[in-house]
Amino acid sequence: MKPNLDVLTDLGVIKTMTPKGNEVRGKMRALLIANEAKIADSYEKAEFPMYLMPELAAIGVGGMQTPIKYGGLGLSFTDALVIGMEGAKYDAGIATFIGVHDYLGNCTIAECGDEE
């Protein structure tokens, strides 16, 4: 039997995610697995994997916590954090991109902005 190496499952964090959050996590994981060799090549060249941006945008990674009424996914902080951690498993730059755009940028606008 293969051991479970997913610490988030072992800690019970995955059970706290919403169904939509788990769906996006699965899409993120599938995207990264499918591009694993290209991501490794980009890492070795010290290049950010820009070719992933359209696909990350398509699954909503840039607006995970943005309210649905503003075009985001409306996910919880836990959902967004776990999805970001999936990116960090492959390249810290992916996690940084997500952190800056979703956690820092969009959340600040949603919290401090107004309808105007």
Protein backbone atom coordinates (compact mmCIF):
# COMPACT_ATOMS: atom_id res chain seq x y z
CA MET A 1 0.00 0.00 0.00
CA LYS A 2 1.35 3.42 -0.99
CA PRO A 3 1.63 5.86 1.94
CA ASN A 4 -0.41 9.06 1.88
CA LEU A 5 2.09 11.88 1.46
CA ASP A 6 -0.53 14.66 1.43
CA VAL A 7 -0.07 16.30 4.82
CA LEU A 8 -3.13 18.50 4.32
CA THR A 9 -5.30 15.42 4.10
CA ASP A 10 -3.60 13.91 7.15
CA LEU A 11 -4.26 17.09 9.16
CA GLY A 12 -7.90 17.20 8.08
CA VAL A 13 -7.56 20.51 6.24
CA ILE A 14 -9.02 19.10 3.03
CA LYS A 15 -12.23 18.20 4.87
CA THR A 16 -12.76 21.90 5.66
CA MET A 17 -12.67 22.94 2.00
CA THR A 18 -15.83 23.76 0.06
CA PRO A 19 -16.85 21.53 -2.86
CA LYS A 20 -15.94 24.35 -5.28
CA GLY A 21 -12.56 24.77 -3.58
CA ASN A 22 -11.85 21.05 -3.96
CA GLU A 23 -12.89 21.23 -7.61
CA VAL A 24 -10.45 24.10 -8.29
CA ARG A 25 -7.73 22.32 -6.30
CA GLY A 26 -8.20 19.26 -8.52
CA LYS A 27 -7.98 21.37 -11.67
CA MET A 28 -4.86 23.12 -10.35
CA ARG A 29 -3.23 19.82 -9.45
CA ALA A 30 -4.08 18.31 -12.86
CA LEU A 31 -2.67 21.35 -14.67
CA LEU A 32 0.58 21.21 -12.72
CA ILE A 33 1.00 17.46 -13.14
CA ALA A 34 0.38 17.76 -16.89
CA ASN A 35 3.07 20.47 -17.12
CA GLU A 36 5.51 19.05 -14.58
CA ALA A 37 8.41 18.60 -17.03
CA LYS A 38 7.94 22.08 -18.56
CA ILE A 39 7.77 23.65 -15.08
CA ALA A 40 10.98 21.87 -14.08
CA ASP A 41 12.64 23.11 -17.27
CA SER A 42 11.53 26.69 -16.54
CA TYR A 43 12.83 26.36 -12.99
CA GLU A 44 16.22 25.17 -14.22
CA LYS A 45 16.39 28.16 -16.57
CA ALA A 46 15.33 30.52 -13.74
CA GLU A 47 12.27 31.55 -15.79
CA PHE A 48 8.73 32.09 -14.60
CA PRO A 49 6.32 29.66 -16.33
CA MET A 50 4.29 32.34 -18.14
CA TYR A 51 2.78 29.71 -20.46
CA LEU A 52 0.63 28.59 -17.49
CA MET A 53 -1.08 31.97 -17.06
CA PRO A 54 -3.95 31.45 -19.53
CA GLU A 55 -4.77 28.08 -17.99
CA LEU A 56 -4.50 29.41 -14.43
CA ALA A 57 -6.82 32.26 -15.38
CA ALA A 58 -9.27 29.82 -16.96
CA ILE A 59 -9.64 27.91 -13.69
CA GLY A 60 -10.00 31.17 -11.73
CA VAL A 61 -6.79 31.12 -9.74
CA GLY A 62 -6.31 34.89 -10.00
CA GLY A 63 -9.63 35.66 -8.32
CA MET A 64 -10.30 32.83 -5.93
CA GLN A 65 -11.48 34.96 -3.01
CA THR A 66 -13.03 37.68 -5.13
CA PRO A 67 -16.82 37.68 -4.67
CA ILE A 68 -18.80 35.96 -7.42
CA LYS A 69 -20.69 39.19 -8.20
CA TYR A 70 -17.36 40.73 -9.27
CA GLY A 71 -16.31 37.80 -11.45
CA GLY A 72 -14.36 35.79 -8.89
CA LEU A 73 -14.92 32.34 -7.47
CA GLY A 74 -15.97 33.46 -3.96
CA LEU A 75 -13.83 30.80 -2.27
CA SER A 76 -12.87 30.76 1.38
CA PHE A 77 -9.41 31.71 2.63
CA THR A 78 -8.72 28.04 3.39
CA ASP A 79 -9.70 27.03 -0.14
CA ALA A 80 -7.45 29.68 -1.68
CA LEU A 81 -4.55 28.86 0.63
CA VAL A 82 -4.63 25.14 -0.16
CA ILE A 83 -4.87 25.84 -3.90
CA GLY A 84 -1.89 28.19 -3.60
CA MET A 85 0.03 25.49 -1.77
CA GLU A 86 -0.56 23.16 -4.72
CA GLY A 87 1.30 25.70 -6.86
CA ALA A 88 4.13 25.91 -4.34
CA LYS A 89 4.72 22.18 -4.69
CA TYR A 90 5.95 22.81 -8.24
CA ASP A 91 7.37 26.35 -8.25
CA ALA A 92 7.49 29.02 -5.54
CA GLY A 93 6.94 31.60 -8.29
CA ILE A 94 3.49 30.17 -8.98
CA ALA A 95 2.57 30.45 -5.30
CA THR A 96 3.97 34.00 -5.21
CA PHE A 97 1.93 34.95 -8.28
CA ILE A 98 -1.21 33.62 -6.63
CA GLY A 99 -0.38 35.31 -3.33
CA VAL A 100 0.15 38.72 -4.87
CA HIS A 101 -2.82 38.65 -7.23
CA ASP A 102 -5.39 36.85 -5.13
CA TYR A 103 -4.52 37.31 -1.47
CA LEU A 104 -2.89 40.73 -1.55
CA GLY A 105 -4.41 42.54 -4.52
CA ASN A 106 -7.94 41.26 -4.95
CA CYS A 107 -8.67 40.77 -1.26
CA THR A 108 -7.50 44.29 -0.45
CA ILE A 109 -9.75 45.74 -3.15
CA ALA A 110 -12.70 43.63 -1.99
CA GLU A 111 -12.17 44.62 1.65
CA CYS A 112 -11.32 48.30 1.26
CA GLY A 113 -12.97 49.25 -2.00
CA ASP A 114 -16.49 50.44 -2.64
CA GLU A 115 -18.92 50.25 -5.54
CA GLU A 116 -17.48 53.38 -7.16
